[in-house]
PDB file of N, CA and C in Angstrom:
ATOM      1  N   MET A   1      15.048  89.790   5.201  1.00  0.00           N
ATOM      2  CA  MET A   1      15.506  88.610   4.390  1.00  0.00           C
ATOM      3  C   MET A   1      14.328  87.752   4.663  1.00  0.00           C
ATOM      4  N   SER A   2      13.436  87.452   3.910  1.00  0.00           N
ATOM      5  CA  SER A   2      12.559  86.164   4.106  1.00  0.00           C
ATOM      6  C   SER A   2      13.287  84.597   4.319  1.00  0.00           C
ATOM      7  N   ALA A   3      12.343  83.966   5.037  1.00  0.00           N
ATOM      8  CA  ALA A   3      12.689  82.784   5.555  1.00  0.00           C
ATOM      9  C   ALA A   3      13.098  81.524   4.229  1.00  0.00           C
ATOM     10  N   VAL A   4      12.761  82.046   3.051  1.00  0.00           N
ATOM     11  CA  VAL A   4      12.606  80.668   1.818  1.00  0.00           C
ATOM     12  C   VAL A   4      13.911  80.997   1.451  1.00  0.00           C
ATOM     13  N   LYS A   5      14.432  82.793   1.012  1.00  0.00           N
ATOM     14  CA  LYS A   5      15.481  82.795   0.594  1.00  0.00           C
ATOM     15  C   LYS A   5      16.628  82.888   1.610  1.00  0.00           C
ATOM     16  N   GLU A   6      16.827  82.754   3.225  1.00  0.00           N
ATOM     17  CA  GLU A   6      17.604  82.385   3.724  1.00  0.00           C
ATOM     18  C   GLU A   6      17.958  81.155   3.472  1.00  0.00           C
ATOM     19  N   PHE A   7      16.604  80.211   3.708  1.00  0.00           N
ATOM     20  CA  PHE A   7      17.061  78.590   3.503  1.00  0.00           C
ATOM     21  C   PHE A   7      17.507  78.206   2.495  1.00  0.00           C
ATOM     22  N   VAL A   8      17.262  78.830   1.277  1.00  0.00           N
ATOM     23  CA  VAL A   8      18.021  78.407  -0.245  1.00  0.00           C
ATOM     24  C   VAL A   8      19.389  78.614   0.048  1.00  0.00           C
ATOM     25  N   ASP A   9      19.563  79.955   0.121  1.00  0.00           N
ATOM     26  CA  ASP A   9      20.955  80.457   0.133  1.00  0.00           C
ATOM     27  C   ASP A   9      21.690  79.922   1.231  1.00  0.00           C
ATOM     28  N   SER A  10      21.077  79.519   2.244  1.00  0.00           N
ATOM     29  CA  SER A  10      21.971  79.152   3.080  1.00  0.00           C
ATOM     30  C   SER A  10      22.391  77.159   2.719  1.00  0.00           C
ATOM     31  N   ALA A  11      21.591  76.526   2.273  1.00  0.00           N
ATOM     32  CA  ALA A  11      20.998  75.280   1.337  1.00  0.00           C
ATOM     33  C   ALA A  11      22.523  75.431   0.609  1.00  0.00           C
ATOM     34  N   VAL A  12      22.800  76.120  -0.382  1.00  0.00           N
ATOM     35  CA  VAL A  12      23.409  76.326  -1.318  1.00  0.00           C
ATOM     36  C   VAL A  12      25.014  76.614  -0.876  1.00  0.00           C
ATOM     37  N   GLU A  13      24.947  77.274   0.197  1.00  0.00           N
ATOM     38  CA  GLU A  13      26.490  77.694   0.913  1.00  0.00           C
ATOM     39  C   GLU A  13      27.103  76.647   1.488  1.00  0.00           C
ATOM     40  N   GLU A  14      25.888  75.550   2.217  1.00  0.00           N
ATOM     41  CA  GLU A  14      26.408  74.747   3.390  1.00  0.00           C
ATOM     42  C   GLU A  14      26.629  73.166   2.239  1.00  0.00           C
ATOM     43  N   ASN A  15      25.906  73.135   1.408  1.00  0.00           N
ATOM     44  CA  ASN A  15      26.346  71.546   0.845  1.00  0.00           C
ATOM     45  C   ASN A  15      27.091  71.758  -0.634  1.00  0.00           C
ATOM     46  N   ASP A  16      28.076  70.544  -0.903  1.00  0.00           N
ATOM     47  CA  ASP A  16      28.486  70.621  -2.236  1.00  0.00           C
ATOM     48  C   ASP A  16      28.019  69.741  -3.242  1.00  0.00           C
ATOM     49  N   VAL A  17      27.014  69.612  -2.904  1.00  0.00           N
ATOM     50  CA  VAL A  17      26.118  68.760  -4.170  1.00  0.00           C
ATOM     51  C   VAL A  17      24.491  69.191  -3.558  1.00  0.00           C
ATOM     52  N   LEU A  18      23.833  69.885  -4.273  1.00  0.00           N
ATOM     53  CA  LEU A  18      22.310  69.765  -3.931  1.00  0.00           C
ATOM     54  C   LEU A  18      21.315  70.052  -4.784  1.00  0.00           C
ATOM     55  N   VAL A  19      20.298  69.138  -4.513  1.00  0.00           N
ATOM     56  CA  VAL A  19      19.318  68.977  -5.473  1.00  0.00           C
ATOM     57  C   VAL A  19      18.109  69.441  -5.013  1.00  0.00           C
ATOM     58  N   PHE A  20      17.244  70.320  -5.592  1.00  0.00           N
ATOM     59  CA  PHE A  20      16.156  70.358  -5.427  1.00  0.00           C
ATOM     60  C   PHE A  20      15.206  69.728  -6.464  1.00  0.00           C
ATOM     61  N   SER A  21      14.323  68.836  -5.627  1.00  0.00           N
ATOM     62  CA  SER A  21      13.386  67.999  -6.307  1.00  0.00           C
ATOM     63  C   SER A  21      12.215  67.769  -5.988  1.00  0.00           C
ATOM     64  N   LYS A  22      11.188  66.617  -6.719  1.00  0.00           N
ATOM     65  CA  LYS A  22      10.097  66.066  -6.438  1.00  0.00           C
ATOM     66  C   LYS A  22      10.096  64.877  -6.482  1.00  0.00           C
ATOM     67  N   THR A  23       9.142  64.089  -5.783  1.00  0.00           N
ATOM     68  CA  THR A  23       9.147  62.625  -5.452  1.00  0.00           C
ATOM     69  C   THR A  23       8.883  62.509  -6.808  1.00  0.00           C
ATOM     70  N   TYR A  24       8.149  62.372  -7.653  1.00  0.00           N
ATOM     71  CA  TYR A  24       7.191  61.962  -8.326  1.00  0.00           C
ATOM     72  C   TYR A  24       7.768  62.393 -10.164  1.00  0.00           C
ATOM     73  N   CYS A  25       9.143  63.294  -9.874  1.00  0.00           N
ATOM     74  CA  CYS A  25       9.583  63.813 -11.113  1.00  0.00           C
ATOM     75  C   CYS A  25      10.879  62.387 -11.693  1.00  0.00           C
ATOM     76  N   PRO A  26      10.507  62.208 -13.185  1.00  0.00           N
ATOM     77  CA  PRO A  26      11.459  60.959 -13.386  1.00  0.00           C
ATOM     78  C   PRO A  26      12.580  61.475 -13.957  1.00  0.00           C
ATOM     79  N   TYR A  27      12.823  62.559 -14.084  1.00  0.00           N
ATOM     80  CA  TYR A  27      14.131  63.766 -14.244  1.00  0.00           C
ATOM     81  C   TYR A  27      14.891  63.680 -13.411  1.00  0.00           C
ATOM     82  N   CYS A  28      14.102  64.213 -11.882  1.00  0.00           N
ATOM     83  CA  CYS A  28      14.787  64.094 -10.531  1.00  0.00           C
ATOM     84  C   CYS A  28      15.464  62.940 -10.213  1.00  0.00           C
ATOM     85  N   SER A  29      14.796  61.850 -10.421  1.00  0.00           N
ATOM     86  CA  SER A  29      14.929  60.623  -9.948  1.00  0.00           C
ATOM     87  C   SER A  29      16.508  60.186 -11.290  1.00  0.00           C
ATOM     88  N   ALA A  30      16.350  60.538 -12.255  1.00  0.00           N
ATOM     89  CA  ALA A  30      17.882  60.229 -13.283  1.00  0.00           C
ATOM     90  C   ALA A  30      18.793  61.263 -12.527  1.00  0.00           C
ATOM     91  N   THR A  31      18.496  62.117 -12.418  1.00  0.00           N
ATOM     92  CA  THR A  31      19.347  62.653 -11.467  1.00  0.00           C
ATOM     93  C   THR A  31      19.863  62.387 -10.310  1.00  0.00           C
ATOM     94  N   LYS A  32      19.149  62.241  -9.453  1.00  0.00           N
ATOM     95  CA  LYS A  32      19.775  61.270  -8.375  1.00  0.00           C
ATOM     96  C   LYS A  32      20.597  59.956  -8.383  1.00  0.00           C
ATOM     97  N   LYS A  33      20.369  59.212  -9.503  1.00  0.00           N
ATOM     98  CA  LYS A  33      20.892  58.408  -9.606  1.00  0.00           C
ATOM     99  C   LYS A  33      21.971  58.333 -10.225  1.00  0.00           C
ATOM    100  N   THR A  34      22.374  59.341 -11.154  1.00  0.00           N
ATOM    101  CA  THR A  34      23.729  59.738 -11.739  1.00  0.00           C
ATOM    102  C   THR A  34      24.436  60.481 -10.486  1.00  0.00           C
ATOM    103  N   LEU A  35      24.041  61.205  -9.838  1.00  0.00           N
ATOM    104  CA  LEU A  35      24.791  61.522  -8.711  1.00  0.00           C
ATOM    105  C   LEU A  35      25.371  60.582  -7.636  1.00  0.00           C
ATOM    106  N   LYS A  36      24.617  59.362  -7.418  1.00  0.00           N
ATOM    107  CA  LYS A  36      24.670  58.367  -6.857  1.00  0.00           C
ATOM    108  C   LYS A  36      25.622  57.552  -7.134  1.00  0.00           C
ATOM    109  N   ASP A  37      25.583  57.290  -8.721  1.00  0.00           N
ATOM    110  CA  ASP A  37      26.536  56.174  -9.139  1.00  0.00           C
ATOM    111  C   ASP A  37      27.816  56.937  -8.901  1.00  0.00           C
ATOM    112  N   GLU A  38      27.568  58.168  -9.566  1.00  0.00           N
ATOM    113  CA  GLU A  38      29.161  59.124  -9.421  1.00  0.00           C
ATOM    114  C   GLU A  38      30.036  58.831  -7.767  1.00  0.00           C
ATOM    115  N   GLY A  39      29.488  58.808  -6.994  1.00  0.00           N
ATOM    116  CA  GLY A  39      29.411  58.649  -5.518  1.00  0.00           C
ATOM    117  C   GLY A  39      29.358  60.011  -4.806  1.00  0.00           C
ATOM    118  N   ALA A  40      28.426  60.827  -5.453  1.00  0.00           N
ATOM    119  CA  ALA A  40      28.336  62.253  -4.620  1.00  0.00           C
ATOM    120  C   ALA A  40      27.513  61.869  -3.365  1.00  0.00           C
ATOM    121  N   ASN A  41      27.655  62.738  -2.395  1.00  0.00           N
ATOM    122  CA  ASN A  41      26.656  62.656  -1.202  1.00  0.00           C
ATOM    123  C   ASN A  41      25.198  63.826  -1.563  1.00  0.00           C
ATOM    124  N   ALA A  42      24.752  63.689  -2.138  1.00  0.00           N
ATOM    125  CA  ALA A  42      24.069  64.997  -2.812  1.00  0.00           C
ATOM    126  C   ALA A  42      23.008  65.282  -1.594  1.00  0.00           C
ATOM    127  N   LYS A  43      22.340  66.607  -1.158  1.00  0.00           N
ATOM    128  CA  LYS A  43      21.377  67.008  -0.629  1.00  0.00           C
ATOM    129  C   LYS A  43      20.620  66.929  -0.785  1.00  0.00           C
ATOM    130  N   VAL A  44      19.128  66.588  -0.626  1.00  0.00           N
ATOM    131  CA  VAL A  44      18.181  66.803  -1.801  1.00  0.00           C
ATOM    132  C   VAL A  44      17.185  66.976  -0.896  1.00  0.00           C
ATOM    133  N   TYR A  45      16.008  68.089  -1.248  1.00  0.00           N
ATOM    134  CA  TYR A  45      14.975  68.506  -0.818  1.00  0.00           C
ATOM    135  C   TYR A  45      13.891  68.234  -1.799  1.00  0.00           C
ATOM    136  N   GLU A  46      12.882  67.384  -1.397  1.00  0.00           N
ATOM    137  CA  GLU A  46      11.459  66.823  -2.276  1.00  0.00           C
ATOM    138  C   GLU A  46      10.914  68.316  -1.592  1.00  0.00           C
ATOM    139  N   LEU A  47      10.365  68.974  -2.763  1.00  0.00           N
ATOM    140  CA  LEU A  47       9.877  70.235  -3.056  1.00  0.00           C
ATOM    141  C   LEU A  47       8.403  69.703  -2.601  1.00  0.00           C
ATOM    142  N   ASP A  48       7.883  68.998  -3.287  1.00  0.00           N
ATOM    143  CA  ASP A  48       6.605  68.389  -3.027  1.00  0.00           C
ATOM    144  C   ASP A  48       6.383  67.794  -1.466  1.00  0.00           C
ATOM    145  N   THR A  49       7.120  67.597  -0.884  1.00  0.00           N
ATOM    146  CA  THR A  49       6.593  67.112   0.593  1.00  0.00           C
ATOM    147  C   THR A  49       7.376  67.896   1.553  1.00  0.00           C
ATOM    148  N   MET A  50       7.413  69.667   1.190  1.00  0.00           N
ATOM    149  CA  MET A  50       7.922  70.889   1.982  1.00  0.00           C
ATOM    150  C   MET A  50       6.332  71.523   2.062  1.00  0.00           C
ATOM    151  N   ASP A  51       6.360  72.227   3.470  1.00  0.00           N
ATOM    152  CA  ASP A  51       5.141  72.978   3.353  1.00  0.00           C
ATOM    153  C   ASP A  51       5.413  74.306   2.650  1.00  0.00           C
ATOM    154  N   ASP A  52       6.307  74.931   2.259  1.00  0.00           N
ATOM    155  CA  ASP A  52       6.788  76.064   1.932  1.00  0.00           C
ATOM    156  C   ASP A  52       7.518  75.533   0.501  1.00  0.00           C
ATOM    157  N   GLY A  53       7.376  74.855   0.053  1.00  0.00           N
ATOM    158  CA  GLY A  53       7.726  74.216  -1.460  1.00  0.00           C
ATOM    159  C   GLY A  53       7.808  74.882  -2.771  1.00  0.00           C
ATOM    160  N   ASP A  54       6.430  75.079  -2.489  1.00  0.00           N
ATOM    161  CA  ASP A  54       5.898  76.094  -3.917  1.00  0.00           C
ATOM    162  C   ASP A  54       6.661  77.486  -3.712  1.00  0.00           C
ATOM    163  N   GLU A  55       6.871  77.942  -2.401  1.00  0.00           N
ATOM    164  CA  GLU A  55       7.790  79.227  -2.268  1.00  0.00           C
ATOM    165  C   GLU A  55       9.216  78.942  -2.839  1.00  0.00           C
ATOM    166  N   ILE A  56       9.886  78.260  -2.092  1.00  0.00           N
ATOM    167  CA  ILE A  56      11.098  77.603  -2.591  1.00  0.00           C
ATOM    168  C   ILE A  56      11.289  77.485  -4.376  1.00  0.00           C
ATOM    169  N   GLN A  57      10.334  76.983  -4.936  1.00  0.00           N
ATOM    170  CA  GLN A  57      10.163  76.668  -6.283  1.00  0.00           C
ATOM    171  C   GLN A  57      10.199  77.947  -6.939  1.00  0.00           C
ATOM    172  N   SER A  58       9.576  78.951  -6.511  1.00  0.00           N
ATOM    173  CA  SER A  58       9.470  80.350  -6.851  1.00  0.00           C
ATOM    174  C   SER A  58      10.676  81.176  -6.657  1.00  0.00           C
ATOM    175  N   TYR A  59      11.226  81.300  -5.624  1.00  0.00           N
ATOM    176  CA  TYR A  59      12.720  81.563  -5.173  1.00  0.00           C
ATOM    177  C   TYR A  59      13.526  81.292  -6.354  1.00  0.00           C
ATOM    178  N   LEU A  60      13.640  79.899  -6.313  1.00  0.00           N
ATOM    179  CA  LEU A  60      14.486  79.128  -7.345  1.00  0.00           C
ATOM    180  C   LEU A  60      14.697  80.031  -8.417  1.00  0.00           C
ATOM    181  N   ALA A  61      13.635  80.391  -9.302  1.00  0.00           N
ATOM    182  CA  ALA A  61      12.878  80.490 -10.479  1.00  0.00           C
ATOM    183  C   ALA A  61      13.613  82.270 -10.425  1.00  0.00           C
ATOM    184  N   THR A  62      13.359  82.892  -9.409  1.00  0.00           N
ATOM    185  CA  THR A  62      14.070  84.381  -9.528  1.00  0.00           C
ATOM    186  C   THR A  62      15.644  84.350  -9.295  1.00  0.00           C
ATOM    187  N   LYS A  63      16.157  83.306  -8.203  1.00  0.00           N
ATOM    188  CA  LYS A  63      17.442  83.179  -7.966  1.00  0.00           C
ATOM    189  C   LYS A  63      18.284  82.710  -9.464  1.00  0.00           C
ATOM    190  N   THR A  64      17.593  81.210  -9.817  1.00  0.00           N
ATOM    191  CA  THR A  64      18.268  80.907 -11.270  1.00  0.00           C
ATOM    192  C   THR A  64      17.988  81.121 -12.754  1.00  0.00           C
ATOM    193  N   GLY A  65      16.419  81.589 -12.970  1.00  0.00           N
ATOM    194  CA  GLY A  65      16.187  81.738 -13.817  1.00  0.00           C
ATOM    195  C   GLY A  65      15.569  80.480 -14.410  1.00  0.00           C
ATOM    196  N   GLN A  66      15.301  79.320 -13.633  1.00  0.00           N
ATOM    197  CA  GLN A  66      14.944  77.960 -13.796  1.00  0.00           C
ATOM    198  C   GLN A  66      14.069  77.521 -13.065  1.00  0.00           C
ATOM    199  N   ARG A  67      12.533  77.343 -13.316  1.00  0.00           N
ATOM    200  CA  ARG A  67      11.586  77.082 -13.055  1.00  0.00           C
ATOM    201  C   ARG A  67      11.030  75.727 -12.502  1.00  0.00           C
ATOM    202  N   THR A  68      11.988  74.879 -13.558  1.00  0.00           N
ATOM    203  CA  THR A  68      11.782  73.617 -13.371  1.00  0.00           C
ATOM    204  C   THR A  68      12.496  73.088 -12.191  1.00  0.00           C
ATOM    205  N   VAL A  69      12.414  71.596 -11.839  1.00  0.00           N
ATOM    206  CA  VAL A  69      13.205  70.288 -11.262  1.00  0.00           C
ATOM    207  C   VAL A  69      13.438  69.438 -11.794  1.00  0.00           C
ATOM    208  N   PRO A  70      14.544  68.930 -11.770  1.00  0.00           N
ATOM    209  CA  PRO A  70      15.516  69.035 -10.790  1.00  0.00           C
ATOM    210  C   PRO A  70      16.221  70.270 -10.786  1.00  0.00           C
ATOM    211  N   ASN A  71      16.376  71.214  -9.781  1.00  0.00           N
ATOM    212  CA  ASN A  71      17.458  72.339 -10.061  1.00  0.00           C
ATOM    213  C   ASN A  71      18.893  71.587  -8.948  1.00  0.00           C
ATOM    214  N   ILE A  72      20.110  71.814  -9.516  1.00  0.00           N
ATOM    215  CA  ILE A  72      21.401  71.234  -8.922  1.00  0.00           C
ATOM    216  C   ILE A  72      21.910  72.606  -9.027  1.00  0.00           C
ATOM    217  N   PHE A  73      22.479  72.148  -7.834  1.00  0.00           N
ATOM    218  CA  PHE A  73      24.013  73.437  -7.428  1.00  0.00           C
ATOM    219  C   PHE A  73      25.185  71.901  -7.421  1.00  0.00           C
ATOM    220  N   ILE A  74      26.224  72.777  -7.390  1.00  0.00           N
ATOM    221  CA  ILE A  74      27.255  71.747  -7.171  1.00  0.00           C
ATOM    222  C   ILE A  74      28.350  72.662  -6.504  1.00  0.00           C
ATOM    223  N   HIS A  75      28.913  72.535  -5.565  1.00  0.00           N
ATOM    224  CA  HIS A  75      30.009  73.338  -5.068  1.00  0.00           C
ATOM    225  C   HIS A  75      29.463  74.768  -5.205  1.00  0.00           C
ATOM    226  N   LYS A  76      28.541  75.194  -5.056  1.00  0.00           N
ATOM    227  CA  LYS A  76      27.717  76.854  -5.026  1.00  0.00           C
ATOM    228  C   LYS A  76      27.039  77.294  -6.306  1.00  0.00           C
ATOM    229  N   LYS A  77      27.612  76.685  -7.250  1.00  0.00           N
ATOM    230  CA  LYS A  77      27.476  76.789  -8.428  1.00  0.00           C
ATOM    231  C   LYS A  77      26.421  76.276  -9.116  1.00  0.00           C
ATOM    232  N   HIS A  78      25.045  77.072  -9.561  1.00  0.00           N
ATOM    233  CA  HIS A  78      23.924  76.071 -10.484  1.00  0.00           C
ATOM    234  C   HIS A  78      24.230  76.197 -11.740  1.00  0.00           C
ATOM    235  N   ILE A  79      24.039  74.468 -11.449  1.00  0.00           N
ATOM    236  CA  ILE A  79      24.429  73.769 -12.868  1.00  0.00           C
ATOM    237  C   ILE A  79      23.315  73.604 -13.733  1.00  0.00           C
ATOM    238  N   GLY A  80      22.294  73.664 -13.201  1.00  0.00           N
ATOM    239  CA  GLY A  80      20.990  73.771 -14.113  1.00  0.00           C
ATOM    240  C   GLY A  80      19.610  72.623 -13.784  1.00  0.00           C
ATOM    241  N   GLY A  81      19.336  71.918 -14.633  1.00  0.00           N
ATOM    242  CA  GLY A  81      18.753  70.586 -14.421  1.00  0.00           C
ATOM    243  C   GLY A  81      19.192  69.334 -15.027  1.00  0.00           C
ATOM    244  N   ASN A  82      18.360  68.242 -15.018  1.00  0.00           N
ATOM    245  CA  ASN A  82      18.927  66.848 -15.664  1.00  0.00           C
ATOM    246  C   ASN A  82      19.642  67.140 -16.470  1.00  0.00           C
ATOM    247  N   SER A  83      19.119  67.611 -17.484  1.00  0.00           N
ATOM    248  CA  SER A  83      19.934  67.225 -19.124  1.00  0.00           C
ATOM    249  C   SER A  83      21.082  68.086 -19.044  1.00  0.00           C
ATOM    250  N   ASP A  84      20.885  69.245 -18.363  1.00  0.00           N
ATOM    251  CA  ASP A  84      22.196  69.623 -18.066  1.00  0.00           C
ATOM    252  C   ASP A  84      23.371  68.975 -17.575  1.00  0.00           C
ATOM    253  N   LEU A  85      22.906  67.999 -16.011  1.00  0.00           N
ATOM    254  CA  LEU A  85      23.582  67.061 -15.975  1.00  0.00           C
ATOM    255  C   LEU A  85      24.250  66.173 -16.450  1.00  0.00           C
ATOM    256  N   GLN A  86      23.414  65.597 -17.686  1.00  0.00           N
ATOM    257  CA  GLN A  86      23.762  64.312 -18.003  1.00  0.00           C
ATOM    258  C   GLN A  86      24.802  64.832 -19.042  1.00  0.00           C
ATOM    259  N   ALA A  87      24.778  65.951 -19.437  1.00  0.00           N
ATOM    260  CA  ALA A  87      25.312  66.830 -20.670  1.00  0.00           C
ATOM    261  C   ALA A  87      27.044  66.724 -20.169  1.00  0.00           C
ATOM    262  N   ILE A  88      27.167  67.319 -19.013  1.00  0.00           N
ATOM    263  CA  ILE A  88      28.354  67.326 -17.859  1.00  0.00           C
ATOM    264  C   ILE A  88      29.181  65.654 -18.130  1.00  0.00           C
ATOM    265  N   LYS A  89      27.883  64.982 -17.994  1.00  0.00           N
ATOM    266  CA  LYS A  89      28.396  63.658 -17.754  1.00  0.00           C
ATOM    267  C   LYS A  89      28.756  62.907 -19.010  1.00  0.00           C
ATOM    268  N   SER A  90      28.181  63.010 -19.775  1.00  0.00           N
ATOM    269  CA  SER A  90      28.499  62.520 -21.300  1.00  0.00           C
ATOM    270  C   SER A  90      29.746  63.505 -22.129  1.00  0.00           C
ATOM    271  N   LYS A  91      30.261  64.680 -21.538  1.00  0.00           N
ATOM    272  CA  LYS A  91      31.393  65.003 -21.984  1.00  0.00           C
ATOM    273  C   LYS A  91      32.501  64.620 -20.904  1.00  0.00           C
ATOM    274  N   GLY A  92      32.076  63.641 -19.942  1.00  0.00           N
ATOM    275  CA  GLY A  92      33.253  63.264 -19.165  1.00  0.00           C
ATOM    276  C   GLY A  92      33.660  64.314 -17.959  1.00  0.00           C
ATOM    277  N   GLN A  93      33.198  64.982 -17.792  1.00  0.00           N
ATOM    278  CA  GLN A  93      33.363  66.362 -16.713  1.00  0.00           C
ATOM    279  C   GLN A  93      32.868  66.249 -15.350  1.00  0.00           C
ATOM    280  N   LEU A  94      31.864  65.125 -15.264  1.00  0.00           N
ATOM    281  CA  LEU A  94      31.102  65.061 -14.066  1.00  0.00           C
ATOM    282  C   LEU A  94      32.015  64.755 -12.684  1.00  0.00           C
ATOM    283  N   LYS A  95      32.942  63.815 -13.345  1.00  0.00           N
ATOM    284  CA  LYS A  95      33.999  63.575 -12.076  1.00  0.00           C
ATOM    285  C   LYS A  95      34.610  64.626 -11.194  1.00  0.00           C
ATOM    286  N   ASP A  96      35.196  65.387 -12.121  1.00  0.00           N
ATOM    287  CA  ASP A  96      36.322  66.344 -12.081  1.00  0.00           C
ATOM    288  C   ASP A  96      35.097  67.922 -11.067  1.00  0.00           C
ATOM    289  N   LEU A  97      33.935  67.789 -11.772  1.00  0.00           N
ATOM    290  CA  LEU A  97      33.295  68.899 -11.367  1.00  0.00           C
ATOM    291  C   LEU A  97      32.896  68.491 -10.138  1.00  0.00           C
ATOM    292  N   LEU A  98      32.657  67.128  -9.960  1.00  0.00           N
ATOM    293  CA  LEU A  98      32.366  66.878  -8.410  1.00  0.00           C
ATOM    294  C   LEU A  98      33.518  66.736  -7.030  1.00  0.00           C
ATOM    295  N   ALA A  99      34.808  66.671  -7.984  1.00  0.00           N
ATOM    296  CA  ALA A  99      35.673  66.474  -6.800  1.00  0.00           C
ATOM    297  C   ALA A  99      35.916  67.706  -5.791  1.00  0.00           C
TER     298      ALA A  99
END
């Protein structure tokens, strides 16, 4: 098993709320703010600051079908990106999803 695959799969398993992000991405910032405002203790990996960030992003694209960031997992389930998270919030379902 590749180190990147093992890292990502372990991170998904071990964190209730997980975000793969980039420091300069405004959609990532919006996601992190929304999760913080909802009281979620999200584990965030900033791919642009990681040596293997490009490889992680490529593996995430294979695993989830989503190449862009933020790439969000809640309770081991792939949620999608910021627009998906905001849609869940606007439907009033985010608090329950985070519980």
